[in-house]
Amino acid sequence: MLSKTRNPILKGLLLMTVLLLSSVAFSQGSLSGRCTDKNGVPLKGVQVTAILFDERHTTETNGDGYYEDKQLAPGEWTVMYVYGNEKIVKKVPIKDAQTRAEMNVMFNANDKR
C-alpha cells in the first residue's frame, strides 16, 4: 500500500495525465472563408458541408458570404459548397488544433436563389 505522502503525488500525476490526454483527444482545427459570385458579390445561404469518414459538419454562409467551422478534427476533409444547382468540392487538410484553414470559393453564376 502507498504511504500518505506519495498518494497526493500520484493523484496529481494521474490528473495531469487525464487532462493531457483529453486535450489531445479533443484538439480541433478550424475552417473559414467566403463564398462569392463571379463578380465578387458575397453569397448568403451557401451550404458548406465538411466530411471526414463518418463525421459531417454543415453550416451556411451569412449575409457577408462568410462561414466558419471551429470543430474539425485532424485529417483531410472533403468540403462541399452548394449554391442552387452548383456544387464545388475541395479537399482541406487539418493537421492539428492550431490549423486555421481558409478556403474562399467563387461560384460561376450571379444569383441562383
PDB file of N, CA and C in Angstrom:
ATOM      1  N   MET A   1       0.839  -1.181   0.000  1.00  0.00           N
ATOM      2  CA  MET A   1       0.000   0.000   0.000  1.00  0.00           C
ATOM      3  C   MET A   1       0.883   1.243   0.000  1.00  0.00           C
ATOM      4  N   LEU A   2       0.447   2.305  -0.663  1.00  0.00           N
ATOM      5  CA  LEU A   2       1.215   3.530  -0.762  1.00  0.00           C
ATOM      6  C   LEU A   2       1.106   4.336   0.513  1.00  0.00           C
ATOM      7  N   SER A   3       2.188   4.991   0.856  1.00  0.00           N
ATOM      8  CA  SER A   3       2.145   5.860   2.036  1.00  0.00           C
ATOM      9  C   SER A   3       1.358   7.112   1.705  1.00  0.00           C
ATOM     10  N   LYS A   4       0.916   7.829   2.723  1.00  0.00           N
ATOM     11  CA  LYS A   4       0.107   9.024   2.524  1.00  0.00           C
ATOM     12  C   LYS A   4       0.898  10.134   1.836  1.00  0.00           C
ATOM     13  N   THR A   5       2.194  10.165   1.962  1.00  0.00           N
ATOM     14  CA  THR A   5       2.990  11.222   1.329  1.00  0.00           C
ATOM     15  C   THR A   5       3.072  11.033  -0.181  1.00  0.00           C
ATOM     16  N   ARG A   6       3.052   9.804  -0.669  1.00  0.00           N
ATOM     17  CA  ARG A   6       3.128   9.556  -2.118  1.00  0.00           C
ATOM     18  C   ARG A   6       1.754   9.615  -2.775  1.00  0.00           C
ATOM     19  N   ASN A   7       0.718   9.375  -2.021  1.00  0.00           N
ATOM     20  CA  ASN A   7      -0.628   9.347  -2.575  1.00  0.00           C
ATOM     21  C   ASN A   7      -1.004  10.668  -3.261  1.00  0.00           C
ATOM     22  N   PRO A   8      -0.790  11.846  -2.657  1.00  0.00           N
ATOM     23  CA  PRO A   8      -1.140  13.094  -3.353  1.00  0.00           C
ATOM     24  C   PRO A   8      -0.321  13.299  -4.637  1.00  0.00           C
ATOM     25  N   ILE A   9       0.914  12.842  -4.641  1.00  0.00           N
ATOM     26  CA  ILE A   9       1.744  12.968  -5.833  1.00  0.00           C
ATOM     27  C   ILE A   9       1.167  12.120  -6.965  1.00  0.00           C
ATOM     28  N   LEU A  10       0.799  10.890  -6.651  1.00  0.00           N
ATOM     29  CA  LEU A  10       0.206  10.021  -7.669  1.00  0.00           C
ATOM     30  C   LEU A  10      -1.124  10.573  -8.178  1.00  0.00           C
ATOM     31  N   LYS A  11      -1.906  11.128  -7.273  1.00  0.00           N
ATOM     32  CA  LYS A  11      -3.179  11.727  -7.697  1.00  0.00           C
ATOM     33  C   LYS A  11      -2.940  12.890  -8.644  1.00  0.00           C
ATOM     34  N   GLY A  12      -1.935  13.701  -8.333  1.00  0.00           N
ATOM     35  CA  GLY A  12      -1.598  14.838  -9.191  1.00  0.00           C
ATOM     36  C   GLY A  12      -1.127  14.381 -10.562  1.00  0.00           C
ATOM     37  N   LEU A  13      -0.269  13.348 -10.584  1.00  0.00           N
ATOM     38  CA  LEU A  13       0.211  12.813 -11.855  1.00  0.00           C
ATOM     39  C   LEU A  13      -0.927  12.224 -12.680  1.00  0.00           C
ATOM     40  N   LEU A  14      -1.824  11.523 -12.013  1.00  0.00           N
ATOM     41  CA  LEU A  14      -2.967  10.940 -12.707  1.00  0.00           C
ATOM     42  C   LEU A  14      -3.849  12.040 -13.299  1.00  0.00           C
ATOM     43  N   LEU A  15      -4.107  13.083 -12.530  1.00  0.00           N
ATOM     44  CA  LEU A  15      -4.926  14.194 -13.010  1.00  0.00           C
ATOM     45  C   LEU A  15      -4.267  14.873 -14.216  1.00  0.00           C
ATOM     46  N   MET A  16      -2.958  15.100 -14.141  1.00  0.00           N
ATOM     47  CA  MET A  16      -2.245  15.726 -15.259  1.00  0.00           C
ATOM     48  C   MET A  16      -2.304  14.848 -16.505  1.00  0.00           C
ATOM     49  N   THR A  17      -2.176  13.550 -16.333  1.00  0.00           N
ATOM     50  CA  THR A  17      -2.237  12.628 -17.461  1.00  0.00           C
ATOM     51  C   THR A  17      -3.610  12.657 -18.112  1.00  0.00           C
ATOM     52  N   VAL A  18      -4.657  12.630 -17.309  1.00  0.00           N
ATOM     53  CA  VAL A  18      -6.028  12.674 -17.834  1.00  0.00           C
ATOM     54  C   VAL A  18      -6.277  13.980 -18.584  1.00  0.00           C
ATOM     55  N   LEU A  19      -5.833  15.095 -18.025  1.00  0.00           N
ATOM     56  CA  LEU A  19      -6.027  16.386 -18.685  1.00  0.00           C
ATOM     57  C   LEU A  19      -5.266  16.461 -20.004  1.00  0.00           C
ATOM     58  N   LEU A  20      -4.046  15.952 -20.023  1.00  0.00           N
ATOM     59  CA  LEU A  20      -3.246  15.969 -21.238  1.00  0.00           C
ATOM     60  C   LEU A  20      -3.888  15.106 -22.321  1.00  0.00           C
ATOM     61  N   LEU A  21      -4.314  13.906 -21.967  1.00  0.00           N
ATOM     62  CA  LEU A  21      -4.940  13.016 -22.938  1.00  0.00           C
ATOM     63  C   LEU A  21      -6.252  13.584 -23.464  1.00  0.00           C
ATOM     64  N   SER A  22      -7.034  14.209 -22.606  1.00  0.00           N
ATOM     65  CA  SER A  22      -8.308  14.763 -23.062  1.00  0.00           C
ATOM     66  C   SER A  22      -8.081  15.964 -23.964  1.00  0.00           C
ATOM     67  N   SER A  23      -7.045  16.758 -23.719  1.00  0.00           N
ATOM     68  CA  SER A  23      -6.791  17.895 -24.597  1.00  0.00           C
ATOM     69  C   SER A  23      -6.329  17.424 -25.965  1.00  0.00           C
ATOM     70  N   VAL A  24      -5.561  16.339 -26.021  1.00  0.00           N
ATOM     71  CA  VAL A  24      -5.130  15.785 -27.300  1.00  0.00           C
ATOM     72  C   VAL A  24      -6.317  15.181 -28.036  1.00  0.00           C
ATOM     73  N   ALA A  25      -7.153  14.460 -27.323  1.00  0.00           N
ATOM     74  CA  ALA A  25      -8.296  13.794 -27.942  1.00  0.00           C
ATOM     75  C   ALA A  25      -9.304  14.786 -28.512  1.00  0.00           C
ATOM     76  N   PHE A  26      -9.420  15.950 -27.888  1.00  0.00           N
ATOM     77  CA  PHE A  26     -10.416  16.922 -28.320  1.00  0.00           C
ATOM     78  C   PHE A  26      -9.806  18.097 -29.074  1.00  0.00           C
ATOM     79  N   SER A  27      -8.564  17.979 -29.515  1.00  0.00           N
ATOM     80  CA  SER A  27      -7.946  19.072 -30.263  1.00  0.00           C
ATOM     81  C   SER A  27      -8.609  19.171 -31.624  1.00  0.00           C
ATOM     82  N   GLN A  28      -9.005  20.382 -31.973  1.00  0.00           N
ATOM     83  CA  GLN A  28      -9.726  20.577 -33.216  1.00  0.00           C
ATOM     84  C   GLN A  28      -9.260  21.847 -33.907  1.00  0.00           C
ATOM     85  N   GLY A  29      -9.140  21.761 -35.214  1.00  0.00           N
ATOM     86  CA  GLY A  29      -8.791  22.919 -36.015  1.00  0.00           C
ATOM     87  C   GLY A  29     -10.038  23.589 -36.541  1.00  0.00           C
ATOM     88  N   SER A  30      -9.838  24.588 -37.399  1.00  0.00           N
ATOM     89  CA  SER A  30     -10.988  25.307 -37.933  1.00  0.00           C
ATOM     90  C   SER A  30     -10.826  25.579 -39.422  1.00  0.00           C
ATOM     91  N   LEU A  31     -11.955  25.827 -40.055  1.00  0.00           N
ATOM     92  CA  LEU A  31     -12.016  26.183 -41.467  1.00  0.00           C
ATOM     93  C   LEU A  31     -12.959  27.360 -41.598  1.00  0.00           C
ATOM     94  N   SER A  32     -12.542  28.374 -42.337  1.00  0.00           N
ATOM     95  CA  SER A  32     -13.403  29.532 -42.568  1.00  0.00           C
ATOM     96  C   SER A  32     -13.116  30.084 -43.957  1.00  0.00           C
ATOM     97  N   GLY A  33     -13.984  30.978 -44.402  1.00  0.00           N
ATOM     98  CA  GLY A  33     -13.783  31.607 -45.694  1.00  0.00           C
ATOM     99  C   GLY A  33     -15.022  32.338 -46.163  1.00  0.00           C
ATOM    100  N   ARG A  34     -14.973  32.774 -47.417  1.00  0.00           N
ATOM    101  CA  ARG A  34     -16.090  33.487 -48.018  1.00  0.00           C
ATOM    102  C   ARG A  34     -16.469  32.844 -49.336  1.00  0.00           C
ATOM    103  N   CYS A  35     -17.759  32.913 -49.629  1.00  0.00           N
ATOM    104  CA  CYS A  35     -18.282  32.440 -50.908  1.00  0.00           C
ATOM    105  C   CYS A  35     -18.847  33.646 -51.650  1.00  0.00           C
ATOM    106  N   THR A  36     -18.424  33.799 -52.910  1.00  0.00           N
ATOM    107  CA  THR A  36     -18.871  34.926 -53.717  1.00  0.00           C
ATOM    108  C   THR A  36     -19.291  34.445 -55.099  1.00  0.00           C
ATOM    109  N   ASP A  37     -19.967  35.347 -55.833  1.00  0.00           N
ATOM    110  CA  ASP A  37     -20.251  35.041 -57.226  1.00  0.00           C
ATOM    111  C   ASP A  37     -19.063  35.501 -58.075  1.00  0.00           C
ATOM    112  N   LYS A  38     -19.159  35.362 -59.388  1.00  0.00           N
ATOM    113  CA  LYS A  38     -18.028  35.678 -60.266  1.00  0.00           C
ATOM    114  C   LYS A  38     -17.682  37.161 -60.291  1.00  0.00           C
ATOM    115  N   ASN A  39     -18.591  37.998 -59.765  1.00  0.00           N
ATOM    116  CA  ASN A  39     -18.335  39.443 -59.690  1.00  0.00           C
ATOM    117  C   ASN A  39     -17.834  39.873 -58.314  1.00  0.00           C
ATOM    118  N   GLY A  40     -17.624  38.904 -57.431  1.00  0.00           N
ATOM    119  CA  GLY A  40     -17.130  39.225 -56.086  1.00  0.00           C
ATOM    120  C   GLY A  40     -18.212  39.573 -55.085  1.00  0.00           C
ATOM    121  N   VAL A  41     -19.467  39.404 -55.463  1.00  0.00           N
ATOM    122  CA  VAL A  41     -20.588  39.706 -54.559  1.00  0.00           C
ATOM    123  C   VAL A  41     -20.754  38.542 -53.583  1.00  0.00           C
ATOM    124  N   PRO A  42     -20.798  38.830 -52.267  1.00  0.00           N
ATOM    125  CA  PRO A  42     -20.956  37.756 -51.272  1.00  0.00           C
ATOM    126  C   PRO A  42     -22.275  37.007 -51.464  1.00  0.00           C
ATOM    127  N   LEU A  43     -22.229  35.696 -51.265  1.00  0.00           N
ATOM    128  CA  LEU A  43     -23.428  34.865 -51.401  1.00  0.00           C
ATOM    129  C   LEU A  43     -23.890  34.384 -50.027  1.00  0.00           C
ATOM    130  N   LYS A  44     -25.111  34.749 -49.692  1.00  0.00           N
ATOM    131  CA  LYS A  44     -25.721  34.289 -48.448  1.00  0.00           C
ATOM    132  C   LYS A  44     -26.416  32.956 -48.711  1.00  0.00           C
ATOM    133  N   GLY A  45     -26.321  32.033 -47.747  1.00  0.00           N
ATOM    134  CA  GLY A  45     -27.059  30.778 -47.835  1.00  0.00           C
ATOM    135  C   GLY A  45     -26.366  29.647 -48.569  1.00  0.00           C
ATOM    136  N   VAL A  46     -25.063  29.792 -48.840  1.00  0.00           N
ATOM    137  CA  VAL A  46     -24.325  28.678 -49.440  1.00  0.00           C
ATOM    138  C   VAL A  46     -24.203  27.591 -48.373  1.00  0.00           C
ATOM    139  N   GLN A  47     -24.581  26.373 -48.706  1.00  0.00           N
ATOM    140  CA  GLN A  47     -24.453  25.253 -47.774  1.00  0.00           C
ATOM    141  C   GLN A  47     -23.025  24.723 -47.851  1.00  0.00           C
ATOM    142  N   VAL A  48     -22.347  24.712 -46.705  1.00  0.00           N
ATOM    143  CA  VAL A  48     -20.962  24.245 -46.621  1.00  0.00           C
ATOM    144  C   VAL A  48     -20.949  23.003 -45.739  1.00  0.00           C
ATOM    145  N   THR A  49     -20.553  21.862 -46.320  1.00  0.00           N
ATOM    146  CA  THR A  49     -20.531  20.602 -45.582  1.00  0.00           C
ATOM    147  C   THR A  49     -19.124  20.026 -45.617  1.00  0.00           C
ATOM    148  N   ALA A  50     -18.558  19.816 -44.424  1.00  0.00           N
ATOM    149  CA  ALA A  50     -17.230  19.214 -44.287  1.00  0.00           C
ATOM    150  C   ALA A  50     -17.409  17.756 -43.864  1.00  0.00           C
ATOM    151  N   ILE A  51     -16.720  16.829 -44.577  1.00  0.00           N
ATOM    152  CA  ILE A  51     -16.884  15.396 -44.331  1.00  0.00           C
ATOM    153  C   ILE A  51     -15.521  14.756 -44.112  1.00  0.00           C
ATOM    154  N   LEU A  52     -15.427  13.983 -43.028  1.00  0.00           N
ATOM    155  CA  LEU A  52     -14.240  13.178 -42.729  1.00  0.00           C
ATOM    156  C   LEU A  52     -14.736  11.826 -42.239  1.00  0.00           C
ATOM    157  N   PHE A  53     -14.591  10.798 -43.063  1.00  0.00           N
ATOM    158  CA  PHE A  53     -15.111   9.453 -42.774  1.00  0.00           C
ATOM    159  C   PHE A  53     -16.601   9.540 -42.471  1.00  0.00           C
ATOM    160  N   ASP A  54     -17.043   9.187 -41.257  1.00  0.00           N
ATOM    161  CA  ASP A  54     -18.474   9.244 -40.937  1.00  0.00           C
ATOM    162  C   ASP A  54     -18.857  10.524 -40.184  1.00  0.00           C
ATOM    163  N   GLU A  55     -17.920  11.454 -40.068  1.00  0.00           N
ATOM    164  CA  GLU A  55     -18.193  12.728 -39.394  1.00  0.00           C
ATOM    165  C   GLU A  55     -18.587  13.766 -40.443  1.00  0.00           C
ATOM    166  N   ARG A  56     -19.634  14.521 -40.148  1.00  0.00           N
ATOM    167  CA  ARG A  56     -20.155  15.500 -41.101  1.00  0.00           C
ATOM    168  C   ARG A  56     -20.559  16.769 -40.344  1.00  0.00           C
ATOM    169  N   HIS A  57     -20.079  17.913 -40.832  1.00  0.00           N
ATOM    170  CA  HIS A  57     -20.419  19.218 -40.261  1.00  0.00           C
ATOM    171  C   HIS A  57     -21.019  20.074 -41.369  1.00  0.00           C
ATOM    172  N   THR A  58     -22.165  20.688 -41.114  1.00  0.00           N
ATOM    173  CA  THR A  58     -22.806  21.537 -42.115  1.00  0.00           C
ATOM    174  C   THR A  58     -23.101  22.901 -41.517  1.00  0.00           C
ATOM    175  N   THR A  59     -22.824  23.929 -42.299  1.00  0.00           N
ATOM    176  CA  THR A  59     -23.133  25.304 -41.914  1.00  0.00           C
ATOM    177  C   THR A  59     -23.547  26.062 -43.167  1.00  0.00           C
ATOM    178  N   GLU A  60     -23.978  27.301 -43.004  1.00  0.00           N
ATOM    179  CA  GLU A  60     -24.342  28.150 -44.143  1.00  0.00           C
ATOM    180  C   GLU A  60     -23.611  29.472 -44.059  1.00  0.00           C
ATOM    181  N   THR A  61     -23.393  30.081 -45.214  1.00  0.00           N
ATOM    182  CA  THR A  61     -22.773  31.397 -45.220  1.00  0.00           C
ATOM    183  C   THR A  61     -23.771  32.451 -44.746  1.00  0.00           C
ATOM    184  N   ASN A  62     -23.228  33.503 -44.118  1.00  0.00           N
ATOM    185  CA  ASN A  62     -24.083  34.596 -43.649  1.00  0.00           C
ATOM    186  C   ASN A  62     -24.247  35.640 -44.753  1.00  0.00           C
ATOM    187  N   GLY A  63     -24.791  36.782 -44.438  1.00  0.00           N
ATOM    188  CA  GLY A  63     -25.041  37.833 -45.424  1.00  0.00           C
ATOM    189  C   GLY A  63     -23.786  38.391 -46.069  1.00  0.00           C
ATOM    190  N   ASP A  64     -22.650  38.208 -45.426  1.00  0.00           N
ATOM    191  CA  ASP A  64     -21.368  38.653 -45.984  1.00  0.00           C
ATOM    192  C   ASP A  64     -20.667  37.542 -46.754  1.00  0.00           C
ATOM    193  N   GLY A  65     -21.356  36.383 -46.922  1.00  0.00           N
ATOM    194  CA  GLY A  65     -20.761  35.244 -47.614  1.00  0.00           C
ATOM    195  C   GLY A  65     -19.761  34.480 -46.766  1.00  0.00           C
ATOM    196  N   TYR A  66     -19.708  34.772 -45.460  1.00  0.00           N
ATOM    197  CA  TYR A  66     -18.709  34.186 -44.560  1.00  0.00           C
ATOM    198  C   TYR A  66     -19.253  32.921 -43.885  1.00  0.00           C
ATOM    199  N   TYR A  67     -18.384  31.935 -43.725  1.00  0.00           N
ATOM    200  CA  TYR A  67     -18.721  30.724 -42.974  1.00  0.00           C
ATOM    201  C   TYR A  67     -17.536  30.361 -42.085  1.00  0.00           C
ATOM    202  N   GLU A  68     -17.816  29.562 -41.054  1.00  0.00           N
ATOM    203  CA  GLU A  68     -16.744  29.107 -40.163  1.00  0.00           C
ATOM    204  C   GLU A  68     -17.177  27.837 -39.441  1.00  0.00           C
ATOM    205  N   ASP A  69     -16.245  26.910 -39.318  1.00  0.00           N
ATOM    206  CA  ASP A  69     -16.439  25.694 -38.526  1.00  0.00           C
ATOM    207  C   ASP A  69     -15.200  25.540 -37.659  1.00  0.00           C
ATOM    208  N   LYS A  70     -15.391  25.612 -36.352  1.00  0.00           N
ATOM    209  CA  LYS A  70     -14.268  25.578 -35.403  1.00  0.00           C
ATOM    210  C   LYS A  70     -14.059  24.204 -34.785  1.00  0.00           C
ATOM    211  N   GLN A  71     -14.721  23.183 -35.287  1.00  0.00           N
ATOM    212  CA  GLN A  71     -14.667  21.882 -34.625  1.00  0.00           C
ATOM    213  C   GLN A  71     -14.255  20.757 -35.570  1.00  0.00           C
ATOM    214  N   LEU A  72     -13.165  20.961 -36.295  1.00  0.00           N
ATOM    215  CA  LEU A  72     -12.708  19.937 -37.229  1.00  0.00           C
ATOM    216  C   LEU A  72     -11.524  19.169 -36.653  1.00  0.00           C
ATOM    217  N   ALA A  73     -11.690  17.874 -36.522  1.00  0.00           N
ATOM    218  CA  ALA A  73     -10.623  17.006 -36.030  1.00  0.00           C
ATOM    219  C   ALA A  73      -9.529  16.916 -37.093  1.00  0.00           C
ATOM    220  N   PRO A  74      -8.311  16.577 -36.699  1.00  0.00           N
ATOM    221  CA  PRO A  74      -7.239  16.420 -37.677  1.00  0.00           C
ATOM    222  C   PRO A  74      -7.577  15.375 -38.738  1.00  0.00           C
ATOM    223  N   GLY A  75      -7.222  15.673 -39.987  1.00  0.00           N
ATOM    224  CA  GLY A  75      -7.464  14.773 -41.107  1.00  0.00           C
ATOM    225  C   GLY A  75      -7.666  15.571 -42.377  1.00  0.00           C
ATOM    226  N   GLU A  76      -7.812  14.893 -43.503  1.00  0.00           N
ATOM    227  CA  GLU A  76      -8.075  15.572 -44.772  1.00  0.00           C
ATOM    228  C   GLU A  76      -9.578  15.573 -45.020  1.00  0.00           C
ATOM    229  N   TRP A  77     -10.184  16.720 -44.875  1.00  0.00           N
ATOM    230  CA  TRP A  77     -11.623  16.885 -45.008  1.00  0.00           C
ATOM    231  C   TRP A  77     -12.007  17.129 -46.459  1.00  0.00           C
ATOM    232  N   THR A  78     -13.128  16.553 -46.868  1.00  0.00           N
ATOM    233  CA  THR A  78     -13.750  16.884 -48.143  1.00  0.00           C
ATOM    234  C   THR A  78     -14.818  17.913 -47.830  1.00  0.00           C
ATOM    235  N   VAL A  79     -14.741  19.065 -48.498  1.00  0.00           N
ATOM    236  CA  VAL A  79     -15.687  20.148 -48.221  1.00  0.00           C
ATOM    237  C   VAL A  79     -16.498  20.417 -49.476  1.00  0.00           C
ATOM    238  N   MET A  80     -17.828  20.334 -49.325  1.00  0.00           N
ATOM    239  CA  MET A  80     -18.754  20.585 -50.433  1.00  0.00           C
ATOM    240  C   MET A  80     -19.445  21.929 -50.214  1.00  0.00           C
ATOM    241  N   TYR A  81     -19.436  22.739 -51.253  1.00  0.00           N
ATOM    242  CA  TYR A  81     -20.106  24.037 -51.248  1.00  0.00           C
ATOM    243  C   TYR A  81     -21.244  23.941 -52.246  1.00  0.00           C
ATOM    244  N   VAL A  82     -22.474  24.173 -51.796  1.00  0.00           N
ATOM    245  CA  VAL A  82     -23.638  24.042 -52.675  1.00  0.00           C
ATOM    246  C   VAL A  82     -24.427  25.346 -52.649  1.00  0.00           C
ATOM    247  N   TYR A  83     -24.669  25.877 -53.861  1.00  0.00           N
ATOM    248  CA  TYR A  83     -25.477  27.089 -54.019  1.00  0.00           C
ATOM    249  C   TYR A  83     -26.355  26.890 -55.244  1.00  0.00           C
ATOM    250  N   GLY A  84     -27.650  26.787 -55.032  1.00  0.00           N
ATOM    251  CA  GLY A  84     -28.553  26.496 -56.139  1.00  0.00           C
ATOM    252  C   GLY A  84     -28.218  25.134 -56.726  1.00  0.00           C
ATOM    253  N   ASN A  85     -27.979  25.095 -58.031  1.00  0.00           N
ATOM    254  CA  ASN A  85     -27.642  23.837 -58.708  1.00  0.00           C
ATOM    255  C   ASN A  85     -26.138  23.615 -58.827  1.00  0.00           C
ATOM    256  N   GLU A  86     -25.367  24.546 -58.346  1.00  0.00           N
ATOM    257  CA  GLU A  86     -23.911  24.451 -58.496  1.00  0.00           C
ATOM    258  C   GLU A  86     -23.275  23.862 -57.234  1.00  0.00           C
ATOM    259  N   LYS A  87     -22.340  22.929 -57.452  1.00  0.00           N
ATOM    260  CA  LYS A  87     -21.634  22.299 -56.332  1.00  0.00           C
ATOM    261  C   LYS A  87     -20.139  22.353 -56.614  1.00  0.00           C
ATOM    262  N   ILE A  88     -19.375  22.776 -55.611  1.00  0.00           N
ATOM    263  CA  ILE A  88     -17.918  22.824 -55.689  1.00  0.00           C
ATOM    264  C   ILE A  88     -17.372  21.963 -54.556  1.00  0.00           C
ATOM    265  N   VAL A  89     -16.410  21.092 -54.874  1.00  0.00           N
ATOM    266  CA  VAL A  89     -15.822  20.196 -53.872  1.00  0.00           C
ATOM    267  C   VAL A  89     -14.332  20.493 -53.760  1.00  0.00           C
ATOM    268  N   LYS A  90     -13.857  20.647 -52.523  1.00  0.00           N
ATOM    269  CA  LYS A  90     -12.440  20.917 -52.250  1.00  0.00           C
ATOM    270  C   LYS A  90     -11.953  19.957 -51.164  1.00  0.00           C
ATOM    271  N   LYS A  91     -10.644  19.728 -51.140  1.00  0.00           N
ATOM    272  CA  LYS A  91     -10.000  18.968 -50.058  1.00  0.00           C
ATOM    273  C   LYS A  91      -9.271  19.961 -49.166  1.00  0.00           C
ATOM    274  N   VAL A  92      -9.440  19.805 -47.854  1.00  0.00           N
ATOM    275  CA  VAL A  92      -8.806  20.717 -46.900  1.00  0.00           C
ATOM    276  C   VAL A  92      -8.132  19.904 -45.802  1.00  0.00           C
ATOM    277  N   PRO A  93      -6.797  19.990 -45.682  1.00  0.00           N
ATOM    278  CA  PRO A  93      -6.112  19.277 -44.598  1.00  0.00           C
ATOM    279  C   PRO A  93      -6.164  20.071 -43.295  1.00  0.00           C
ATOM    280  N   ILE A  94      -6.523  19.373 -42.229  1.00  0.00           N
ATOM    281  CA  ILE A  94      -6.462  19.936 -40.876  1.00  0.00           C
ATOM    282  C   ILE A  94      -5.411  19.113 -40.141  1.00  0.00           C
ATOM    283  N   LYS A  95      -4.262  19.718 -39.864  1.00  0.00           N
ATOM    284  CA  LYS A  95      -3.147  18.969 -39.280  1.00  0.00           C
ATOM    285  C   LYS A  95      -3.270  18.792 -37.774  1.00  0.00           C
ATOM    286  N   ASP A  96      -3.727  19.842 -37.073  1.00  0.00           N
ATOM    287  CA  ASP A  96      -3.827  19.787 -35.616  1.00  0.00           C
ATOM    288  C   ASP A  96      -4.734  20.917 -35.131  1.00  0.00           C
ATOM    289  N   ALA A  97      -4.790  21.099 -33.802  1.00  0.00           N
ATOM    290  CA  ALA A  97      -5.674  22.114 -33.224  1.00  0.00           C
ATOM    291  C   ALA A  97      -5.263  23.532 -33.596  1.00  0.00           C
ATOM    292  N   GLN A  98      -4.011  23.727 -34.000  1.00  0.00           N
ATOM    293  CA  GLN A  98      -3.551  25.060 -34.376  1.00  0.00           C
ATOM    294  C   GLN A  98      -3.871  25.389 -35.842  1.00  0.00           C
ATOM    295  N   THR A  99      -4.353  24.423 -36.605  1.00  0.00           N
ATOM    296  CA  THR A  99      -4.662  24.665 -38.014  1.00  0.00           C
ATOM    297  C   THR A  99      -5.870  25.579 -38.125  1.00  0.00           C
ATOM    298  N   ARG A 100      -5.668  26.681 -38.825  1.00  0.00           N
ATOM    299  CA  ARG A 100      -6.742  27.630 -39.114  1.00  0.00           C
ATOM    300  C   ARG A 100      -6.807  27.759 -40.628  1.00  0.00           C
ATOM    301  N   ALA A 101      -7.454  26.795 -41.267  1.00  0.00           N
ATOM    302  CA  ALA A 101      -7.524  26.773 -42.729  1.00  0.00           C
ATOM    303  C   ALA A 101      -8.518  27.814 -43.232  1.00  0.00           C
ATOM    304  N   GLU A 102      -8.195  28.397 -44.387  1.00  0.00           N
ATOM    305  CA  GLU A 102      -9.094  29.354 -45.016  1.00  0.00           C
ATOM    306  C   GLU A 102      -9.322  28.927 -46.458  1.00  0.00           C
ATOM    307  N   MET A 103     -10.584  28.878 -46.857  1.00  0.00           N
ATOM    308  CA  MET A 103     -10.928  28.472 -48.212  1.00  0.00           C
ATOM    309  C   MET A 103     -12.018  29.417 -48.729  1.00  0.00           C
ATOM    310  N   ASN A 104     -11.645  30.246 -49.688  1.00  0.00           N
ATOM    311  CA  ASN A 104     -12.604  31.129 -50.342  1.00  0.00           C
ATOM    312  C   ASN A 104     -13.040  30.476 -51.645  1.00  0.00           C
ATOM    313  N   VAL A 105     -14.332  30.559 -51.945  1.00  0.00           N
ATOM    314  CA  VAL A 105     -14.894  29.864 -53.109  1.00  0.00           C
ATOM    315  C   VAL A 105     -15.686  30.853 -53.957  1.00  0.00           C
ATOM    316  N   MET A 106     -15.476  30.776 -55.269  1.00  0.00           N
ATOM    317  CA  MET A 106     -16.206  31.629 -56.192  1.00  0.00           C
ATOM    318  C   MET A 106     -17.120  30.763 -57.071  1.00  0.00           C
ATOM    319  N   PHE A 107     -18.391  31.099 -57.065  1.00  0.00           N
ATOM    320  CA  PHE A 107     -19.375  30.410 -57.902  1.00  0.00           C
ATOM    321  C   PHE A 107     -19.496  31.147 -59.233  1.00  0.00           C
ATOM    322  N   ASN A 108     -19.837  30.415 -60.294  1.00  0.00           N
ATOM    323  CA  ASN A 108     -19.908  30.984 -61.644  1.00  0.00           C
ATOM    324  C   ASN A 108     -21.096  31.911 -61.852  1.00  0.00           C
ATOM    325  N   ALA A 109     -22.278  31.499 -61.421  1.00  0.00           N
ATOM    326  CA  ALA A 109     -23.482  32.278 -61.688  1.00  0.00           C
ATOM    327  C   ALA A 109     -23.652  33.396 -60.657  1.00  0.00           C
ATOM    328  N   ASN A 110     -24.365  34.446 -61.059  1.00  0.00           N
ATOM    329  CA  ASN A 110     -24.616  35.574 -60.157  1.00  0.00           C
ATOM    330  C   ASN A 110     -25.582  35.196 -59.048  1.00  0.00           C
ATOM    331  N   ASP A 111     -26.851  34.964 -59.398  1.00  0.00           N
ATOM    332  CA  ASP A 111     -27.859  34.680 -58.383  1.00  0.00           C
ATOM    333  C   ASP A 111     -28.602  33.416 -58.763  1.00  0.00           C
ATOM    334  N   LYS A 112     -28.522  32.405 -57.889  1.00  0.00           N
ATOM    335  CA  LYS A 112     -29.178  31.139 -58.197  1.00  0.00           C
ATOM    336  C   LYS A 112     -30.346  30.855 -57.264  1.00  0.00           C
ATOM    337  N   ARG A 113     -30.682  31.774 -56.425  1.00  0.00           N
ATOM    338  CA  ARG A 113     -31.777  31.525 -55.476  1.00  0.00           C
ATOM    339  C   ARG A 113     -33.003  32.295 -55.852  1.00  0.00           C
TER     340      ARG A 113
END
